[in-house]
Amino acid sequence: TTTTGAHHPPTTTTTGAHHPPTTTTTGAHHPPTTTTTGAHHPPTTTTTGAHHPPTTTTTGAHHPTTTTTAAPLRTSTTAAPKPAPAVAKIVNSASELTGAIAPGEILTITGSSLAQSSLGFQLGANNLLVTKLGDTAVTFDAIAAPLIAVSAGQITAIVPYEIDGRATVSLIVHNKGQSSAPINLSVVATAPGIFLSKTIGTSNLAILNTDQSVNSQASPAASSITFFATGEGILRPPVPTGSVATSSPTGFPKPVAGVSLAIAGNPAPVVYAGQGTGLFSGILQIVATIPVGTPSGPQPVVLTIGNSDSSLETVTLFIA
């Protein structure tokens, strides 16, 4: 059957047995033209032109072929590279002040992309703090620093004792194959800072009264205090960076530099200044007696180690 012109029914021609009909339509607004050759084959579809349904052609055995004039666009997605670690600030972990650093000092490094996840300290087989947590490491002139804790925004690390005697060092944070821009830091023998209320590792560091209560306005000191600091510099006898202090027959290592304390502007006798059981290297334990005649109430405290002091840090001791 052949139909020419508009508004006429289509002409259908059928050849061979068991085949659907071949339909040819000419003119606008007519149904599709379908041609079928061979038996039992799925159709091949070709779509052309506007306002017409597809034309289907079937040829060959068991091999469908489809051609479409307009193919959808393909989209490819490439993952953006992760940013390199960036250091924003480096401070003494106790005083939270910036400045020159000392061997053995505990530092807090803040920034972005510093670590893949939050991790606490780990001890290696030699009972030293490890120098890599997850994918994060910190180096001072390529010397790896023991790490106490890491997270995406903050790292707590110990300055290696090995930098002693250098004028400056370059600090770099490494995270999963990427490195921060180097930060140049001046090195001094000591850089004391007093811990007011902070946890380092498993140690809760604060100013304690004689009965071991935390000093406060409600719980003032009467006779003596124990407190903790960092930035004391080299110890004698020397200890490995990142070690955990244990008692020995000769006592704990003590700072090479002299240690003194002032309370309310008056010299306070220092009974003890050295490492303490279970404390990481870089944490100094100090026991001092409150000077006779010290006024009651809040009084300033200044710690001096060697040629440096903590006067830029505001430390208040409550006296009974």
Protein backbone atom coordinates (compact mmCIF):
# COMPACT_ATOMS: atom_id res chain seq x y z
CA THR A 1 0.00 0.00 0.00
CA THR A 2 1.37 3.48 -0.81
CA THR A 3 -0.21 6.73 0.36
CA THR A 4 0.66 10.11 -1.15
CA GLY A 5 -0.54 13.47 0.09
CA ALA A 6 -1.99 14.53 3.37
CA HIS A 7 -4.90 13.03 5.28
CA HIS A 8 -4.76 9.64 3.58
CA PRO A 9 -4.42 6.34 5.33
CA PRO A 10 -1.07 4.63 4.88
CA THR A 11 -0.33 1.93 2.27
CA THR A 12 1.11 -1.26 3.74
CA THR A 13 3.29 -3.75 1.86
CA THR A 14 4.17 -7.10 3.38
CA THR A 15 6.85 -9.42 1.93
CA GLY A 16 7.78 -12.85 3.19
CA ALA A 17 6.24 -14.93 5.85
CA HIS A 18 6.12 -14.18 9.55
CA HIS A 19 7.22 -10.57 9.14
CA PRO A 20 5.48 -7.49 10.33
CA PRO A 21 4.32 -5.16 7.58
CA THR A 22 6.34 -2.44 5.85
CA THR A 23 4.62 0.90 6.05
CA THR A 24 5.60 3.93 4.00
CA THR A 25 4.02 7.30 4.65
CA THR A 26 4.74 10.46 2.66
CA GLY A 27 3.68 13.94 3.64
CA ALA A 28 3.25 15.71 6.93
CA HIS A 29 1.50 14.52 10.05
CA HIS A 30 1.67 10.84 9.12
CA PRO A 31 2.75 7.90 11.17
CA PRO A 32 6.22 6.41 10.70
CA THR A 33 7.63 4.35 7.84
CA THR A 34 8.58 0.86 8.91
CA THR A 35 10.51 -1.63 6.79
CA THR A 36 11.14 -5.17 7.92
CA THR A 37 13.33 -7.72 6.15
CA GLY A 38 14.22 -11.15 7.44
CA ALA A 39 12.53 -13.07 10.15
CA HIS A 40 12.48 -12.82 13.92
CA HIS A 41 14.87 -9.86 14.35
CA PRO A 42 14.55 -6.94 16.71
CA PRO A 43 14.16 -3.62 14.98
CA THR A 44 16.80 -1.03 14.18
CA THR A 45 15.57 2.47 15.01
CA THR A 46 16.57 5.66 13.22
CA THR A 47 15.10 9.00 14.25
CA THR A 48 15.21 12.00 11.90
CA GLY A 49 13.32 15.21 11.39
CA ALA A 50 10.82 17.00 13.59
CA HIS A 51 7.21 16.11 14.48
CA HIS A 52 7.54 12.51 13.28
CA PRO A 53 7.87 9.35 15.31
CA PRO A 54 10.91 7.19 14.63
CA THR A 55 11.51 5.11 11.49
CA THR A 56 12.42 1.53 12.33
CA THR A 57 14.49 -0.72 10.07
CA THR A 58 15.40 -4.30 10.86
CA THR A 59 18.14 -6.14 8.92
CA GLY A 60 20.34 -9.15 9.54
CA ALA A 61 20.02 -11.81 12.16
CA HIS A 62 19.91 -11.18 15.87
CA HIS A 63 22.01 -7.95 15.76
CA PRO A 64 20.12 -4.80 16.65
CA THR A 65 21.57 -1.47 15.55
CA THR A 66 20.32 1.87 16.86
CA THR A 67 21.23 5.28 15.48
CA THR A 68 20.02 8.49 17.09
CA THR A 69 20.71 11.86 15.50
CA ALA A 70 20.96 13.75 18.82
CA ALA A 71 23.16 12.12 21.54
CA PRO A 72 23.15 13.36 25.16
CA LEU A 73 26.17 15.32 26.39
CA ARG A 74 28.73 13.44 28.47
CA THR A 75 30.02 14.98 31.69
CA SER A 76 33.33 14.08 33.35
CA THR A 77 34.15 14.97 36.97
CA THR A 78 37.72 15.33 38.32
CA ALA A 79 38.25 15.45 42.09
CA ALA A 80 39.91 18.67 43.24
CA PRO A 81 43.29 18.14 44.93
CA LYS A 82 43.32 18.46 48.72
CA PRO A 83 44.91 21.70 49.97
CA ALA A 84 48.41 21.65 51.41
CA PRO A 85 48.81 22.24 55.17
CA ALA A 86 48.93 25.92 56.09
CA VAL A 87 50.36 27.23 59.39
CA ALA A 88 48.61 30.27 60.86
CA LYS A 89 50.20 30.61 64.32
CA ILE A 90 52.82 29.00 66.57
CA VAL A 91 52.65 29.59 70.33
CA ASN A 92 54.06 28.32 73.62
CA SER A 93 51.47 25.74 74.74
CA ALA A 94 51.50 27.10 78.31
CA SER A 95 51.51 30.89 77.85
CA GLU A 96 49.84 30.79 74.40
CA LEU A 97 52.24 33.56 73.35
CA THR A 98 54.28 33.74 70.16
CA GLY A 99 58.02 34.35 70.16
CA ALA A 100 61.40 32.65 69.99
CA ILE A 101 61.40 28.95 70.82
CA ALA A 102 63.59 26.88 73.16
CA PRO A 103 64.81 23.28 72.91
CA GLY A 104 62.30 20.94 74.52
CA GLU A 105 59.51 23.55 74.54
CA ILE A 106 55.97 22.32 73.96
CA LEU A 107 54.35 24.24 71.10
CA THR A 108 50.82 24.58 69.78
CA ILE A 109 50.62 25.00 66.01
CA THR A 110 47.32 26.18 64.51
CA GLY A 111 46.26 26.38 60.88
CA SER A 112 44.36 24.37 58.28
CA SER A 113 44.72 20.94 56.64
CA LEU A 114 47.30 20.00 59.28
CA ALA A 115 46.04 16.40 59.64
CA GLN A 116 43.59 13.95 58.07
CA SER A 117 41.96 13.16 61.42
CA SER A 118 42.24 13.86 65.16
CA LEU A 119 44.75 11.62 66.93
CA GLY A 120 46.30 11.54 70.41
CA PHE A 121 49.84 10.67 71.42
CA GLN A 122 51.36 7.24 70.88
CA LEU A 123 54.46 5.69 72.43
CA GLY A 124 56.84 3.77 70.21
CA ALA A 125 58.73 0.60 71.02
CA ASN A 126 61.47 2.68 72.72
CA ASN A 127 58.84 4.32 74.99
CA LEU A 128 59.28 7.65 73.20
CA LEU A 129 56.50 9.70 71.67
CA VAL A 130 56.22 8.92 67.96
CA THR A 131 57.12 11.61 65.43
CA LYS A 132 54.27 10.78 63.03
CA LEU A 133 50.57 10.54 63.86
CA GLY A 134 48.50 9.30 60.92
CA ASP A 135 49.91 11.16 57.92
CA THR A 136 51.15 14.17 59.93
CA ALA A 137 54.71 15.07 60.89
CA VAL A 138 56.45 18.29 61.97
CA THR A 139 60.11 19.01 61.30
CA PHE A 140 62.55 21.61 62.63
CA ASP A 141 65.42 21.89 60.13
CA ALA A 142 64.44 18.38 58.95
CA ILE A 143 64.54 17.01 62.55
CA ALA A 144 61.25 15.25 63.29
CA ALA A 145 59.42 16.47 66.41
CA PRO A 146 57.59 14.18 68.86
CA LEU A 147 53.83 14.73 68.53
CA ILE A 148 51.39 14.88 71.44
CA ALA A 149 48.18 15.46 69.46
CA VAL A 150 47.10 16.36 65.92
CA SER A 151 43.89 17.50 64.24
CA ALA A 152 42.98 19.34 61.05
CA GLY A 153 43.31 22.70 62.82
CA GLN A 154 45.89 22.14 65.58
CA ILE A 155 49.06 20.24 66.46
CA THR A 156 50.79 19.92 69.84
CA ALA A 157 54.48 19.10 69.37
CA ILE A 158 57.76 19.12 71.31
CA VAL A 159 60.70 21.11 69.96
CA PRO A 160 63.63 18.68 69.55
CA TYR A 161 66.50 19.17 71.98
CA GLU A 162 68.78 18.75 68.96
CA ILE A 163 68.18 22.37 67.84
CA ASP A 164 70.14 23.65 70.85
CA GLY A 165 72.81 26.13 69.81
CA ARG A 166 71.17 27.14 66.52
CA ALA A 167 70.17 30.76 65.90
CA THR A 168 67.12 29.92 63.78
CA VAL A 169 65.24 26.87 62.53
CA SER A 170 62.73 26.24 59.76
CA LEU A 171 59.45 24.62 60.83
CA ILE A 172 57.44 22.63 58.25
CA VAL A 173 54.21 20.65 58.72
CA HIS A 174 53.86 17.56 56.52
CA ASN A 175 50.50 15.95 55.80
CA LYS A 176 49.92 13.06 53.40
CA GLY A 177 52.72 13.94 50.99
CA GLN A 178 52.13 17.70 51.08
CA SER A 179 54.09 20.29 53.06
CA SER A 180 53.41 23.73 54.46
CA ALA A 181 55.46 26.76 53.58
CA PRO A 182 58.55 26.91 55.85
CA ILE A 183 58.27 29.12 58.94
CA ASN A 184 61.53 30.56 60.25
CA LEU A 185 61.76 30.73 64.05
CA SER A 186 64.41 32.25 66.31
CA VAL A 187 65.95 29.93 68.89
CA VAL A 188 66.79 30.93 72.48
CA ALA A 189 68.10 28.92 75.42
CA THR A 190 64.86 29.23 77.43
CA ALA A 191 61.31 30.51 76.85
CA PRO A 192 59.28 29.87 80.04
CA GLY A 193 55.50 29.69 80.08
CA ILE A 194 53.26 28.59 82.99
CA PHE A 195 50.36 26.17 82.50
CA LEU A 196 47.23 27.58 84.12
CA SER A 197 44.68 24.92 83.25
CA LYS A 198 45.49 22.56 80.41
CA THR A 199 45.69 18.87 79.67
CA ILE A 200 48.86 17.70 77.93
CA GLY A 201 48.66 14.02 77.08
CA THR A 202 47.09 12.57 80.23
CA SER A 203 48.48 15.22 82.61
CA ASN A 204 46.13 17.89 83.95
CA LEU A 205 48.38 20.90 84.50
CA ALA A 206 47.33 23.70 86.85
CA ILE A 207 48.55 25.61 89.91
CA LEU A 208 47.99 23.37 92.94
CA ASN A 209 47.87 24.21 96.63
CA THR A 210 49.65 22.18 99.32
CA ASP A 211 46.67 19.81 99.58
CA GLN A 212 46.74 19.34 95.78
CA SER A 213 43.52 21.32 95.27
CA VAL A 214 43.49 23.66 92.28
CA ASN A 215 44.31 27.22 93.33
CA SER A 216 41.37 29.57 92.99
CA GLN A 217 39.65 32.43 94.76
CA ALA A 218 37.53 29.88 96.63
CA SER A 219 40.60 27.73 97.37
CA PRO A 220 43.59 30.03 98.01
CA ALA A 221 47.16 28.97 98.78
CA ALA A 222 48.39 29.13 102.35
CA SER A 223 52.00 27.98 102.39
CA SER A 224 53.26 26.43 99.15
CA ILE A 225 52.27 25.72 95.56
CA THR A 226 53.10 23.20 92.84
CA PHE A 227 52.78 24.21 89.21
CA PHE A 228 54.01 23.25 85.75
CA ALA A 229 55.79 25.08 82.96
CA THR A 230 57.50 24.55 79.60
CA GLY A 231 60.36 26.23 77.75
CA GLU A 232 62.99 25.37 80.38
CA GLY A 233 65.58 24.39 77.77
CA ILE A 234 68.25 21.70 78.07
CA LEU A 235 68.16 19.33 81.04
CA ARG A 236 70.96 17.71 83.00
CA PRO A 237 71.43 14.80 82.66
CA PRO A 238 70.21 14.96 79.06
CA VAL A 239 67.04 13.10 78.11
CA PRO A 240 65.71 12.10 74.68
CA THR A 241 63.09 14.41 73.18
CA GLY A 242 59.65 12.90 73.66
CA SER A 243 60.61 10.70 76.61
CA VAL A 244 58.35 10.08 79.61
CA ALA A 245 59.93 10.91 82.97
CA THR A 246 60.49 8.14 85.48
CA SER A 247 62.16 8.29 88.87
CA SER A 248 65.74 7.15 89.33
CA PRO A 249 68.17 6.79 92.27
CA THR A 250 69.86 10.04 91.24
CA GLY A 251 66.59 11.93 90.95
CA PHE A 252 64.93 13.57 87.96
CA PRO A 253 66.77 15.64 85.34
CA LYS A 254 66.74 19.39 86.02
CA PRO A 255 67.19 22.47 83.83
CA VAL A 256 70.75 23.57 83.13
CA ALA A 257 69.56 27.19 83.45
CA GLY A 258 68.72 28.61 86.87
CA VAL A 259 65.07 28.78 87.98
CA SER A 260 63.58 31.55 90.18
CA LEU A 261 60.09 32.72 91.04
CA ALA A 262 58.48 35.97 92.18
CA ILE A 263 55.07 36.19 93.89
CA ALA A 264 53.59 39.64 94.38
CA GLY A 265 56.97 41.00 93.29
CA ASN A 266 58.86 39.22 96.07
CA PRO A 267 61.28 36.30 95.66
CA ALA A 268 59.63 32.95 96.41
CA PRO A 269 61.96 30.12 97.48
CA VAL A 270 61.99 27.36 94.83
CA VAL A 271 62.02 24.01 96.65
CA TYR A 272 62.12 21.86 93.50
CA ALA A 273 62.35 22.40 89.73
CA GLY A 274 62.72 19.36 87.47
CA GLN A 275 60.89 16.59 85.72
CA GLY A 276 58.04 14.72 87.38
CA THR A 277 56.83 11.13 87.19
CA GLY A 278 54.80 10.45 84.04
CA LEU A 279 55.40 13.88 82.50
CA PHE A 280 56.59 14.27 78.92
CA SER A 281 59.98 15.85 78.34
CA GLY A 282 59.44 19.59 78.09
CA ILE A 283 57.11 19.77 81.09
CA LEU A 284 58.82 21.23 84.16
CA GLN A 285 57.40 20.68 87.66
CA ILE A 286 58.07 23.45 90.21
CA VAL A 287 57.41 23.51 93.94
CA ALA A 288 57.73 26.89 95.68
CA THR A 289 57.08 28.41 99.09
CA ILE A 290 54.91 31.51 99.40
CA PRO A 291 57.01 34.38 100.83
CA VAL A 292 56.20 35.45 104.37
CA GLY A 293 54.11 38.59 104.39
CA THR A 294 52.55 38.10 100.96
CA PRO A 295 49.24 39.98 100.93
CA SER A 296 46.02 38.00 100.69
CA GLY A 297 44.00 37.93 97.49
CA PRO A 298 45.08 37.70 93.84
CA GLN A 299 48.81 38.20 93.33
CA PRO A 300 50.97 38.12 90.17
CA VAL A 301 53.44 35.31 89.53
CA VAL A 302 56.54 35.56 87.31
CA LEU A 303 58.79 32.61 86.50
CA THR A 304 62.38 33.20 85.36
CA ILE A 305 64.54 30.50 83.76
CA GLY A 306 67.97 31.55 82.61
CA ASN A 307 67.75 34.95 80.89
CA SER A 308 64.03 34.73 80.00
CA ASP A 309 60.92 35.16 82.10
CA SER A 310 57.13 34.75 81.88
CA SER A 311 56.29 38.41 82.57
CA LEU A 312 54.30 38.77 79.33
CA GLU A 313 51.93 36.05 80.53
CA THR A 314 49.28 37.02 83.06
CA VAL A 315 49.41 34.51 85.92
CA THR A 316 47.42 35.13 89.09
CA LEU A 317 47.85 33.24 92.33
CA PHE A 318 45.20 33.49 95.05
CA ILE A 319 46.72 33.83 98.54
CA ALA A 320 44.85 33.02 101.76
